[in-house]
Amino acid sequence: MSLNRTEQTVHDHIVRRPEERRHWQEKVAQLAARAADDHAAADTVAAELVAYCRERACVVAEFRELAGPGGPNRLLLRNLAELLLRLWTVPRPKRRADIEADSPARGVGGR
């Protein structure tokens, strides 16, 4: 998965600091557990990451730089959210309909 410069900076900031990493691991797990599906979980985590960046921009220089001339409203952190979900949560079990859609079509007389 490829992260943009902003996402990479946020990722590096979080993983370099054990207390931040633990906080985000717990937060990502909680948000994923409450979400209806993987897409909703990624949206929620991305929104939380953007709020975190806005809050941290007041006190951390590297986050202030991320905001840039477009301001913090221009932050897009969806890829980072998806990465954190993949790294820090257990994959959801596939629904039966998804499993059947993924399986190859059965031929005539197949089992």
PDB file of N, CA and C in Angstrom:
ATOM      1  N   MET A   1       0.849  -1.167   0.000  1.00  0.00           N
ATOM      2  CA  MET A   1       0.000   0.000   0.000  1.00  0.00           C
ATOM      3  C   MET A   1       0.895   1.231   0.000  1.00  0.00           C
ATOM      4  N   SER A   2       0.529   2.186  -0.795  1.00  0.00           N
ATOM      5  CA  SER A   2       1.296   3.414  -0.936  1.00  0.00           C
ATOM      6  C   SER A   2       0.629   4.533  -0.135  1.00  0.00           C
ATOM      7  N   LEU A   3       1.434   5.208   0.675  1.00  0.00           N
ATOM      8  CA  LEU A   3       0.934   6.337   1.457  1.00  0.00           C
ATOM      9  C   LEU A   3       1.446   7.628   0.850  1.00  0.00           C
ATOM     10  N   ASN A   4       0.614   8.666   0.871  1.00  0.00           N
ATOM     11  CA  ASN A   4       1.092   9.970   0.421  1.00  0.00           C
ATOM     12  C   ASN A   4       1.997  10.569   1.508  1.00  0.00           C
ATOM     13  N   ARG A   5       2.615  11.683   1.205  1.00  0.00           N
ATOM     14  CA  ARG A   5       3.580  12.286   2.135  1.00  0.00           C
ATOM     15  C   ARG A   5       2.940  12.578   3.489  1.00  0.00           C
ATOM     16  N   THR A   6       1.750  13.105   3.470  1.00  0.00           N
ATOM     17  CA  THR A   6       1.050  13.427   4.712  1.00  0.00           C
ATOM     18  C   THR A   6       0.795  12.170   5.529  1.00  0.00           C
ATOM     19  N   GLU A   7       0.266  11.144   4.868  1.00  0.00           N
ATOM     20  CA  GLU A   7      -0.022   9.888   5.562  1.00  0.00           C
ATOM     21  C   GLU A   7       1.247   9.272   6.136  1.00  0.00           C
ATOM     22  N   GLN A   8       2.333   9.323   5.369  1.00  0.00           N
ATOM     23  CA  GLN A   8       3.595   8.753   5.840  1.00  0.00           C
ATOM     24  C   GLN A   8       4.113   9.494   7.063  1.00  0.00           C
ATOM     25  N   THR A   9       3.980  10.813   7.060  1.00  0.00           N
ATOM     26  CA  THR A   9       4.421  11.613   8.202  1.00  0.00           C
ATOM     27  C   THR A   9       3.618  11.274   9.451  1.00  0.00           C
ATOM     28  N   VAL A  10       2.296  11.163   9.304  1.00  0.00           N
ATOM     29  CA  VAL A  10       1.440  10.821  10.443  1.00  0.00           C
ATOM     30  C   VAL A  10       1.769   9.410  10.930  1.00  0.00           C
ATOM     31  N   HIS A  11       1.910   8.477  10.011  1.00  0.00           N
ATOM     32  CA  HIS A  11       2.260   7.100  10.367  1.00  0.00           C
ATOM     33  C   HIS A  11       3.569   7.057  11.147  1.00  0.00           C
ATOM     34  N   ASP A  12       4.594   7.718  10.633  1.00  0.00           N
ATOM     35  CA  ASP A  12       5.895   7.727  11.293  1.00  0.00           C
ATOM     36  C   ASP A  12       5.812   8.348  12.683  1.00  0.00           C
ATOM     37  N   HIS A  13       5.050   9.418  12.813  1.00  0.00           N
ATOM     38  CA  HIS A  13       4.874  10.076  14.110  1.00  0.00           C
ATOM     39  C   HIS A  13       4.237   9.113  15.107  1.00  0.00           C
ATOM     40  N   ILE A  14       3.230   8.399  14.679  1.00  0.00           N
ATOM     41  CA  ILE A  14       2.515   7.481  15.574  1.00  0.00           C
ATOM     42  C   ILE A  14       3.396   6.299  15.965  1.00  0.00           C
ATOM     43  N   VAL A  15       4.063   5.678  15.018  1.00  0.00           N
ATOM     44  CA  VAL A  15       4.831   4.462  15.347  1.00  0.00           C
ATOM     45  C   VAL A  15       6.130   4.763  16.093  1.00  0.00           C
ATOM     46  N   ARG A  16       6.649   5.985  15.990  1.00  0.00           N
ATOM     47  CA  ARG A  16       7.872   6.356  16.725  1.00  0.00           C
ATOM     48  C   ARG A  16       7.612   6.567  18.212  1.00  0.00           C
ATOM     49  N   ARG A  17       6.381   6.775  18.579  1.00  0.00           N
ATOM     50  CA  ARG A  17       6.041   7.068  19.967  1.00  0.00           C
ATOM     51  C   ARG A  17       5.165   5.949  20.530  1.00  0.00           C
ATOM     52  N   PRO A  18       5.716   5.153  21.454  1.00  0.00           N
ATOM     53  CA  PRO A  18       4.973   3.993  21.968  1.00  0.00           C
ATOM     54  C   PRO A  18       3.606   4.339  22.553  1.00  0.00           C
ATOM     55  N   GLU A  19       3.506   5.465  23.266  1.00  0.00           N
ATOM     56  CA  GLU A  19       2.210   5.811  23.870  1.00  0.00           C
ATOM     57  C   GLU A  19       1.190   6.184  22.797  1.00  0.00           C
ATOM     58  N   GLU A  20       1.634   6.863  21.743  1.00  0.00           N
ATOM     59  CA  GLU A  20       0.737   7.201  20.627  1.00  0.00           C
ATOM     60  C   GLU A  20       0.313   5.921  19.898  1.00  0.00           C
ATOM     61  N   ARG A  21       1.270   5.037  19.675  1.00  0.00           N
ATOM     62  CA  ARG A  21       0.972   3.783  18.968  1.00  0.00           C
ATOM     63  C   ARG A  21      -0.066   2.968  19.746  1.00  0.00           C
ATOM     64  N   ARG A  22       0.140   2.822  21.058  1.00  0.00           N
ATOM     65  CA  ARG A  22      -0.829   2.079  21.877  1.00  0.00           C
ATOM     66  C   ARG A  22      -2.209   2.731  21.820  1.00  0.00           C
ATOM     67  N   HIS A  23      -2.229   4.051  21.932  1.00  0.00           N
ATOM     68  CA  HIS A  23      -3.505   4.775  21.865  1.00  0.00           C
ATOM     69  C   HIS A  23      -4.217   4.479  20.542  1.00  0.00           C
ATOM     70  N   TRP A  24      -3.492   4.588  19.433  1.00  0.00           N
ATOM     71  CA  TRP A  24      -4.110   4.386  18.130  1.00  0.00           C
ATOM     72  C   TRP A  24      -4.464   2.929  17.874  1.00  0.00           C
ATOM     73  N   GLN A  25      -3.685   2.008  18.395  1.00  0.00           N
ATOM     74  CA  GLN A  25      -4.039   0.591  18.246  1.00  0.00           C
ATOM     75  C   GLN A  25      -5.372   0.310  18.926  1.00  0.00           C
ATOM     76  N   GLU A  26      -5.544   0.820  20.136  1.00  0.00           N
ATOM     77  CA  GLU A  26      -6.804   0.633  20.852  1.00  0.00           C
ATOM     78  C   GLU A  26      -7.952   1.349  20.147  1.00  0.00           C
ATOM     79  N   LYS A  27      -7.702   2.582  19.716  1.00  0.00           N
ATOM     80  CA  LYS A  27      -8.750   3.367  19.062  1.00  0.00           C
ATOM     81  C   LYS A  27      -9.192   2.712  17.749  1.00  0.00           C
ATOM     82  N   VAL A  28      -8.230   2.264  16.952  1.00  0.00           N
ATOM     83  CA  VAL A  28      -8.558   1.615  15.673  1.00  0.00           C
ATOM     84  C   VAL A  28      -9.361   0.339  15.930  1.00  0.00           C
ATOM     85  N   ALA A  29      -8.959  -0.441  16.923  1.00  0.00           N
ATOM     86  CA  ALA A  29      -9.684  -1.677  17.241  1.00  0.00           C
ATOM     87  C   ALA A  29     -11.117  -1.375  17.676  1.00  0.00           C
ATOM     88  N   GLN A  30     -11.289  -0.348  18.509  1.00  0.00           N
ATOM     89  CA  GLN A  30     -12.635   0.015  18.973  1.00  0.00           C
ATOM     90  C   GLN A  30     -13.504   0.510  17.820  1.00  0.00           C
ATOM     91  N   LEU A  31     -12.951   1.374  16.988  1.00  0.00           N
ATOM     92  CA  LEU A  31     -13.722   1.911  15.863  1.00  0.00           C
ATOM     93  C   LEU A  31     -14.088   0.815  14.878  1.00  0.00           C
ATOM     94  N   ALA A  32     -13.170  -0.106  14.642  1.00  0.00           N
ATOM     95  CA  ALA A  32     -13.449  -1.210  13.719  1.00  0.00           C
ATOM     96  C   ALA A  32     -14.535  -2.116  14.269  1.00  0.00           C
ATOM     97  N   ALA A  33     -14.516  -2.358  15.572  1.00  0.00           N
ATOM     98  CA  ALA A  33     -15.519  -3.226  16.188  1.00  0.00           C
ATOM     99  C   ALA A  33     -16.916  -2.612  16.098  1.00  0.00           C
ATOM    100  N   ARG A  34     -17.000  -1.299  16.177  1.00  0.00           N
ATOM    101  CA  ARG A  34     -18.303  -0.614  16.138  1.00  0.00           C
ATOM    102  C   ARG A  34     -18.832  -0.394  14.729  1.00  0.00           C
ATOM    103  N   ALA A  35     -17.941  -0.449  13.735  1.00  0.00           N
ATOM    104  CA  ALA A  35     -18.346  -0.141  12.358  1.00  0.00           C
ATOM    105  C   ALA A  35     -19.144  -1.285  11.745  1.00  0.00           C
ATOM    106  N   ALA A  36     -20.022  -0.920  10.839  1.00  0.00           N
ATOM    107  CA  ALA A  36     -20.864  -1.906  10.174  1.00  0.00           C
ATOM    108  C   ALA A  36     -20.066  -2.788   9.209  1.00  0.00           C
ATOM    109  N   ASP A  37     -19.072  -2.204   8.561  1.00  0.00           N
ATOM    110  CA  ASP A  37     -18.252  -2.962   7.616  1.00  0.00           C
ATOM    111  C   ASP A  37     -16.880  -2.313   7.501  1.00  0.00           C
ATOM    112  N   ASP A  38     -16.015  -2.904   6.675  1.00  0.00           N
ATOM    113  CA  ASP A  38     -14.646  -2.401   6.537  1.00  0.00           C
ATOM    114  C   ASP A  38     -14.597  -0.984   5.970  1.00  0.00           C
ATOM    115  N   HIS A  39     -15.481  -0.675   5.043  1.00  0.00           N
ATOM    116  CA  HIS A  39     -15.494   0.664   4.449  1.00  0.00           C
ATOM    117  C   HIS A  39     -15.884   1.718   5.483  1.00  0.00           C
ATOM    118  N   ALA A  40     -16.883   1.415   6.269  1.00  0.00           N
ATOM    119  CA  ALA A  40     -17.307   2.346   7.317  1.00  0.00           C
ATOM    120  C   ALA A  40     -16.208   2.507   8.357  1.00  0.00           C
ATOM    121  N   ALA A  41     -15.523   1.431   8.677  1.00  0.00           N
ATOM    122  CA  ALA A  41     -14.422   1.500   9.641  1.00  0.00           C
ATOM    123  C   ALA A  41     -13.315   2.403   9.109  1.00  0.00           C
ATOM    124  N   ALA A  42     -12.949   2.248   7.840  1.00  0.00           N
ATOM    125  CA  ALA A  42     -11.894   3.078   7.244  1.00  0.00           C
ATOM    126  C   ALA A  42     -12.306   4.545   7.228  1.00  0.00           C
ATOM    127  N   ASP A  43     -13.550   4.823   6.908  1.00  0.00           N
ATOM    128  CA  ASP A  43     -14.035   6.211   6.917  1.00  0.00           C
ATOM    129  C   ASP A  43     -13.933   6.816   8.312  1.00  0.00           C
ATOM    130  N   THR A  44     -14.334   6.050   9.311  1.00  0.00           N
ATOM    131  CA  THR A  44     -14.321   6.538  10.687  1.00  0.00           C
ATOM    132  C   THR A  44     -12.894   6.761  11.180  1.00  0.00           C
ATOM    133  N   VAL A  45     -12.006   5.810  10.909  1.00  0.00           N
ATOM    134  CA  VAL A  45     -10.609   5.947  11.329  1.00  0.00           C
ATOM    135  C   VAL A  45      -9.971   7.145  10.619  1.00  0.00           C
ATOM    136  N   ALA A  46     -10.241   7.301   9.330  1.00  0.00           N
ATOM    137  CA  ALA A  46      -9.686   8.440   8.582  1.00  0.00           C
ATOM    138  C   ALA A  46     -10.158   9.763   9.180  1.00  0.00           C
ATOM    139  N   ALA A  47     -11.426   9.846   9.531  1.00  0.00           N
ATOM    140  CA  ALA A  47     -11.961  11.074  10.138  1.00  0.00           C
ATOM    141  C   ALA A  47     -11.291  11.349  11.485  1.00  0.00           C
ATOM    142  N   GLU A  48     -11.058  10.308  12.271  1.00  0.00           N
ATOM    143  CA  GLU A  48     -10.380  10.473  13.554  1.00  0.00           C
ATOM    144  C   GLU A  48      -8.932  10.919  13.365  1.00  0.00           C
ATOM    145  N   LEU A  49      -8.265  10.382  12.346  1.00  0.00           N
ATOM    146  CA  LEU A  49      -6.887  10.784  12.052  1.00  0.00           C
ATOM    147  C   LEU A  49      -6.815  12.254  11.640  1.00  0.00           C
ATOM    148  N   VAL A  50      -7.777  12.696  10.838  1.00  0.00           N
ATOM    149  CA  VAL A  50      -7.812  14.103  10.426  1.00  0.00           C
ATOM    150  C   VAL A  50      -8.027  14.997  11.649  1.00  0.00           C
ATOM    151  N   ALA A  51      -8.945  14.613  12.519  1.00  0.00           N
ATOM    152  CA  ALA A  51      -9.185  15.396  13.740  1.00  0.00           C
ATOM    153  C   ALA A  51      -7.923  15.432  14.603  1.00  0.00           C
ATOM    154  N   TYR A  52      -7.224  14.314  14.678  1.00  0.00           N
ATOM    155  CA  TYR A  52      -5.968  14.243  15.433  1.00  0.00           C
ATOM    156  C   TYR A  52      -4.935  15.196  14.844  1.00  0.00           C
ATOM    157  N   CYS A  53      -4.810  15.208  13.520  1.00  0.00           N
ATOM    158  CA  CYS A  53      -3.850  16.098  12.858  1.00  0.00           C
ATOM    159  C   CYS A  53      -4.189  17.566  13.112  1.00  0.00           C
ATOM    160  N   ARG A  54      -5.458  17.901  13.058  1.00  0.00           N
ATOM    161  CA  ARG A  54      -5.873  19.286  13.323  1.00  0.00           C
ATOM    162  C   ARG A  54      -5.512  19.695  14.745  1.00  0.00           C
ATOM    163  N   GLU A  55      -5.773  18.795  15.681  1.00  0.00           N
ATOM    164  CA  GLU A  55      -5.484  19.085  17.077  1.00  0.00           C
ATOM    165  C   GLU A  55      -3.975  19.203  17.309  1.00  0.00           C
ATOM    166  N   ARG A  56      -3.201  18.298  16.737  1.00  0.00           N
ATOM    167  CA  ARG A  56      -1.747  18.284  16.925  1.00  0.00           C
ATOM    168  C   ARG A  56      -1.056  19.430  16.192  1.00  0.00           C
ATOM    169  N   ALA A  57      -1.683  19.977  15.163  1.00  0.00           N
ATOM    170  CA  ALA A  57      -1.072  21.066  14.395  1.00  0.00           C
ATOM    171  C   ALA A  57      -0.828  22.301  15.265  1.00  0.00           C
ATOM    172  N   CYS A  58      -1.559  22.417  16.341  1.00  0.00           N
ATOM    173  CA  CYS A  58      -1.377  23.559  17.250  1.00  0.00           C
ATOM    174  C   CYS A  58      -0.081  23.461  18.042  1.00  0.00           C
ATOM    175  N   VAL A  59       0.443  22.237  18.228  1.00  0.00           N
ATOM    176  CA  VAL A  59       1.596  22.073  19.109  1.00  0.00           C
ATOM    177  C   VAL A  59       2.786  21.329  18.499  1.00  0.00           C
ATOM    178  N   VAL A  60       2.593  20.633  17.389  1.00  0.00           N
ATOM    179  CA  VAL A  60       3.669  19.839  16.791  1.00  0.00           C
ATOM    180  C   VAL A  60       4.013  20.410  15.419  1.00  0.00           C
ATOM    181  N   ALA A  61       5.268  20.789  15.242  1.00  0.00           N
ATOM    182  CA  ALA A  61       5.688  21.464  14.010  1.00  0.00           C
ATOM    183  C   ALA A  61       5.429  20.629  12.760  1.00  0.00           C
ATOM    184  N   GLU A  62       5.707  19.313  12.818  1.00  0.00           N
ATOM    185  CA  GLU A  62       5.521  18.511  11.603  1.00  0.00           C
ATOM    186  C   GLU A  62       4.050  18.444  11.178  1.00  0.00           C
ATOM    187  N   PHE A  63       3.133  18.545  12.122  1.00  0.00           N
ATOM    188  CA  PHE A  63       1.714  18.569  11.769  1.00  0.00           C
ATOM    189  C   PHE A  63       1.300  19.939  11.248  1.00  0.00           C
ATOM    190  N   ARG A  64       1.913  20.970  11.775  1.00  0.00           N
ATOM    191  CA  ARG A  64       1.637  22.323  11.280  1.00  0.00           C
ATOM    192  C   ARG A  64       2.042  22.428   9.813  1.00  0.00           C
ATOM    193  N   GLU A  65       3.174  21.807   9.469  1.00  0.00           N
ATOM    194  CA  GLU A  65       3.648  21.807   8.085  1.00  0.00           C
ATOM    195  C   GLU A  65       2.706  21.033   7.167  1.00  0.00           C
ATOM    196  N   LEU A  66       2.089  19.973   7.698  1.00  0.00           N
ATOM    197  CA  LEU A  66       1.164  19.169   6.890  1.00  0.00           C
ATOM    198  C   LEU A  66      -0.048  19.976   6.459  1.00  0.00           C
ATOM    199  N   ALA A  67      -0.490  20.843   7.339  1.00  0.00           N
ATOM    200  CA  ALA A  67      -1.673  21.634   7.028  1.00  0.00           C
ATOM    201  C   ALA A  67      -1.422  22.523   5.821  1.00  0.00           C
ATOM    202  N   GLY A  68      -0.224  23.098   5.738  1.00  0.00           N
ATOM    203  CA  GLY A  68       0.165  23.888   4.573  1.00  0.00           C
ATOM    204  C   GLY A  68      -0.813  24.994   4.239  1.00  0.00           C
ATOM    205  N   PRO A  69      -0.707  25.530   3.018  1.00  0.00           N
ATOM    206  CA  PRO A  69      -1.554  26.653   2.622  1.00  0.00           C
ATOM    207  C   PRO A  69      -3.022  26.268   2.471  1.00  0.00           C
ATOM    208  N   GLY A  70      -3.306  25.003   2.194  1.00  0.00           N
ATOM    209  CA  GLY A  70      -4.696  24.571   2.046  1.00  0.00           C
ATOM    210  C   GLY A  70      -5.404  24.409   3.367  1.00  0.00           C
ATOM    211  N   GLY A  71      -4.647  24.431   4.444  1.00  0.00           N
ATOM    212  CA  GLY A  71      -5.225  24.250   5.766  1.00  0.00           C
ATOM    213  C   GLY A  71      -5.491  22.785   6.054  1.00  0.00           C
ATOM    214  N   PRO A  72      -5.817  22.475   7.303  1.00  0.00           N
ATOM    215  CA  PRO A  72      -6.034  21.083   7.693  1.00  0.00           C
ATOM    216  C   PRO A  72      -7.265  20.447   7.067  1.00  0.00           C
ATOM    217  N   ASN A  73      -8.141  21.241   6.475  1.00  0.00           N
ATOM    218  CA  ASN A  73      -9.330  20.670   5.840  1.00  0.00           C
ATOM    219  C   ASN A  73      -8.985  19.875   4.589  1.00  0.00           C
ATOM    220  N   ARG A  74      -7.763  20.033   4.068  1.00  0.00           N
ATOM    221  CA  ARG A  74      -7.352  19.348   2.851  1.00  0.00           C
ATOM    222  C   ARG A  74      -6.716  17.992   3.125  1.00  0.00           C
ATOM    223  N   LEU A  75      -6.651  17.579   4.373  1.00  0.00           N
ATOM    224  CA  LEU A  75      -6.003  16.318   4.720  1.00  0.00           C
ATOM    225  C   LEU A  75      -6.834  15.127   4.251  1.00  0.00           C
ATOM    226  N   LEU A  76      -6.182  14.212   3.568  1.00  0.00           N
ATOM    227  CA  LEU A  76      -6.815  12.973   3.132  1.00  0.00           C
ATOM    228  C   LEU A  76      -5.992  11.818   3.691  1.00  0.00           C
ATOM    229  N   LEU A  77      -6.579  11.052   4.587  1.00  0.00           N
ATOM    230  CA  LEU A  77      -5.833  10.009   5.285  1.00  0.00           C
ATOM    231  C   LEU A  77      -6.478   8.632   5.154  1.00  0.00           C
ATOM    232  N   ARG A  78      -7.211   8.405   4.082  1.00  0.00           N
ATOM    233  CA  ARG A  78      -7.926   7.137   3.898  1.00  0.00           C
ATOM    234  C   ARG A  78      -6.965   5.954   3.764  1.00  0.00           C
ATOM    235  N   ASN A  79      -5.883   6.100   2.988  1.00  0.00           N
ATOM    236  CA  ASN A  79      -4.943   4.988   2.825  1.00  0.00           C
ATOM    237  C   ASN A  79      -4.295   4.612   4.151  1.00  0.00           C
ATOM    238  N   LEU A  80      -3.952   5.609   4.950  1.00  0.00           N
ATOM    239  CA  LEU A  80      -3.373   5.334   6.262  1.00  0.00           C
ATOM    240  C   LEU A  80      -4.390   4.614   7.145  1.00  0.00           C
ATOM    241  N   ALA A  81      -5.624   5.048   7.105  1.00  0.00           N
ATOM    242  CA  ALA A  81      -6.673   4.396   7.897  1.00  0.00           C
ATOM    243  C   ALA A  81      -6.807   2.924   7.504  1.00  0.00           C
ATOM    244  N   GLU A  82      -6.808   2.640   6.209  1.00  0.00           N
ATOM    245  CA  GLU A  82      -6.912   1.252   5.751  1.00  0.00           C
ATOM    246  C   GLU A  82      -5.697   0.436   6.177  1.00  0.00           C
ATOM    247  N   LEU A  83      -4.518   1.035   6.121  1.00  0.00           N
ATOM    248  CA  LEU A  83      -3.302   0.337   6.549  1.00  0.00           C
ATOM    249  C   LEU A  83      -3.374  -0.009   8.030  1.00  0.00           C
ATOM    250  N   LEU A  84      -3.749   0.950   8.859  1.00  0.00           N
ATOM    251  CA  LEU A  84      -3.828   0.700  10.294  1.00  0.00           C
ATOM    252  C   LEU A  84      -4.866  -0.377  10.611  1.00  0.00           C
ATOM    253  N   LEU A  85      -5.971  -0.373   9.896  1.00  0.00           N
ATOM    254  CA  LEU A  85      -6.972  -1.422  10.094  1.00  0.00           C
ATOM    255  C   LEU A  85      -6.400  -2.790   9.737  1.00  0.00           C
ATOM    256  N   ARG A  86      -5.649  -2.869   8.654  1.00  0.00           N
ATOM    257  CA  ARG A  86      -5.046  -4.148   8.256  1.00  0.00           C
ATOM    258  C   ARG A  86      -4.005  -4.618   9.260  1.00  0.00           C
ATOM    259  N   LEU A  87      -3.225  -3.671   9.780  1.00  0.00           N
ATOM    260  CA  LEU A  87      -2.147  -4.034  10.699  1.00  0.00           C
ATOM    261  C   LEU A  87      -2.647  -4.380  12.099  1.00  0.00           C
ATOM    262  N   TRP A  88      -3.647  -3.659  12.573  1.00  0.00           N
ATOM    263  CA  TRP A  88      -3.991  -3.727  13.983  1.00  0.00           C
ATOM    264  C   TRP A  88      -5.343  -4.362  14.306  1.00  0.00           C
ATOM    265  N   THR A  89      -6.034  -4.890  13.337  1.00  0.00           N
ATOM    266  CA  THR A  89      -7.309  -5.551  13.639  1.00  0.00           C
ATOM    267  C   THR A  89      -7.330  -6.932  13.008  1.00  0.00           C
ATOM    268  N   VAL A  90      -8.176  -7.764  13.551  1.00  0.00           N
ATOM    269  CA  VAL A  90      -8.383  -9.099  13.004  1.00  0.00           C
ATOM    270  C   VAL A  90      -9.344  -8.963  11.828  1.00  0.00           C
ATOM    271  N   PRO A  91      -9.035  -9.593  10.697  1.00  0.00           N
ATOM    272  CA  PRO A  91      -9.947  -9.487   9.554  1.00  0.00           C
ATOM    273  C   PRO A  91     -11.343  -9.998   9.910  1.00  0.00           C
ATOM    274  N   ARG A  92     -12.317  -9.348   9.365  1.00  0.00           N
ATOM    275  CA  ARG A  92     -13.702  -9.778   9.594  1.00  0.00           C
ATOM    276  C   ARG A  92     -13.945 -11.072   8.838  1.00  0.00           C
ATOM    277  N   PRO A  93     -14.727 -11.973   9.413  1.00  0.00           N
ATOM    278  CA  PRO A  93     -15.065 -13.185   8.659  1.00  0.00           C
ATOM    279  C   PRO A  93     -15.944 -12.818   7.469  1.00  0.00           C
ATOM    280  N   LYS A  94     -15.716 -13.516   6.371  1.00  0.00           N
ATOM    281  CA  LYS A  94     -16.526 -13.238   5.189  1.00  0.00           C
ATOM    282  C   LYS A  94     -17.953 -13.723   5.405  1.00  0.00           C
ATOM    283  N   ARG A  95     -18.885 -12.958   4.874  1.00  0.00           N
ATOM    284  CA  ARG A  95     -20.290 -13.380   4.927  1.00  0.00           C
ATOM    285  C   ARG A  95     -20.486 -14.493   3.912  1.00  0.00           C
ATOM    286  N   ARG A  96     -21.461 -15.318   4.118  1.00  0.00           N
ATOM    287  CA  ARG A  96     -21.730 -16.455   3.234  1.00  0.00           C
ATOM    288  C   ARG A  96     -21.927 -15.994   1.789  1.00  0.00           C
ATOM    289  N   ALA A  97     -22.642 -14.904   1.579  1.00  0.00           N
ATOM    290  CA  ALA A  97     -22.881 -14.391   0.227  1.00  0.00           C
ATOM    291  C   ALA A  97     -21.562 -14.008  -0.447  1.00  0.00           C
ATOM    292  N   ASP A  98     -20.628 -13.439   0.334  1.00  0.00           N
ATOM    293  CA  ASP A  98     -19.325 -13.076  -0.218  1.00  0.00           C
ATOM    294  C   ASP A  98     -18.523 -14.311  -0.601  1.00  0.00           C
ATOM    295  N   ILE A  99     -18.584 -15.344   0.219  1.00  0.00           N
ATOM    296  CA  ILE A  99     -17.855 -16.581  -0.060  1.00  0.00           C
ATOM    297  C   ILE A  99     -18.385 -17.226  -1.328  1.00  0.00           C
ATOM    298  N   GLU A 100     -19.700 -17.276  -1.468  1.00  0.00           N
ATOM    299  CA  GLU A 100     -20.295 -17.881  -2.663  1.00  0.00           C
ATOM    300  C   GLU A 100     -19.959 -17.074  -3.915  1.00  0.00           C
ATOM    301  N   ALA A 101     -19.880 -15.770  -3.799  1.00  0.00           N
ATOM    302  CA  ALA A 101     -19.552 -14.924  -4.953  1.00  0.00           C
ATOM    303  C   ALA A 101     -18.097 -15.120  -5.366  1.00  0.00           C
ATOM    304  N   ASP A 102     -17.215 -15.429  -4.394  1.00  0.00           N
ATOM    305  CA  ASP A 102     -15.796 -15.624  -4.681  1.00  0.00           C
ATOM    306  C   ASP A 102     -15.484 -17.007  -5.239  1.00  0.00           C
ATOM    307  N   SER A 103     -16.349 -17.986  -4.983  1.00  0.00           N
ATOM    308  CA  SER A 103     -16.047 -19.352  -5.417  1.00  0.00           C
ATOM    309  C   SER A 103     -16.292 -19.484  -6.922  1.00  0.00           C
ATOM    310  N   PRO A 104     -15.506 -20.362  -7.589  1.00  0.00           N
ATOM    311  CA  PRO A 104     -15.701 -20.546  -9.028  1.00  0.00           C
ATOM    312  C   PRO A 104     -17.052 -21.191  -9.314  1.00  0.00           C
ATOM    313  N   ALA A 105     -17.599 -20.880 -10.476  1.00  0.00           N
ATOM    314  CA  ALA A 105     -18.896 -21.439 -10.851  1.00  0.00           C
ATOM    315  C   ALA A 105     -18.779 -22.956 -10.984  1.00  0.00           C
ATOM    316  N   ARG A 106     -19.790 -23.625 -10.538  1.00  0.00           N
ATOM    317  CA  ARG A 106     -19.794 -25.097 -10.631  1.00  0.00           C
ATOM    318  C   ARG A 106     -20.269 -25.512 -12.015  1.00  0.00           C
ATOM    319  N   GLY A 107     -19.583 -26.459 -12.549  1.00  0.00           N
ATOM    320  CA  GLY A 107     -19.974 -26.971 -13.863  1.00  0.00           C
ATOM    321  C   GLY A 107     -21.139 -27.939 -13.753  1.00  0.00           C
ATOM    322  N   VAL A 108     -21.649 -28.379 -14.884  1.00  0.00           N
ATOM    323  CA  VAL A 108     -22.749 -29.326 -14.920  1.00  0.00           C
ATOM    324  C   VAL A 108     -22.249 -30.625 -14.329  1.00  0.00           C
ATOM    325  N   GLY A 109     -23.010 -31.165 -13.413  1.00  0.00           N
ATOM    326  CA  GLY A 109     -22.634 -32.418 -12.770  1.00  0.00           C
ATOM    327  C   GLY A 109     -21.578 -32.238 -11.706  1.00  0.00           C
ATOM    328  N   GLY A 110     -21.222 -30.996 -11.393  1.00  0.00           N
ATOM    329  CA  GLY A 110     -20.218 -30.737 -10.353  1.00  0.00           C
ATOM    330  C   GLY A 110     -20.780 -30.945  -8.979  1.00  0.00           C
ATOM    331  N   ARG A 111     -19.922 -31.025  -8.025  1.00  0.00           N
ATOM    332  CA  ARG A 111     -20.358 -31.274  -6.651  1.00  0.00           C
ATOM    333  C   ARG A 111     -20.540 -30.005  -5.893  1.00  0.00           C
TER     334      ARG A 111
END
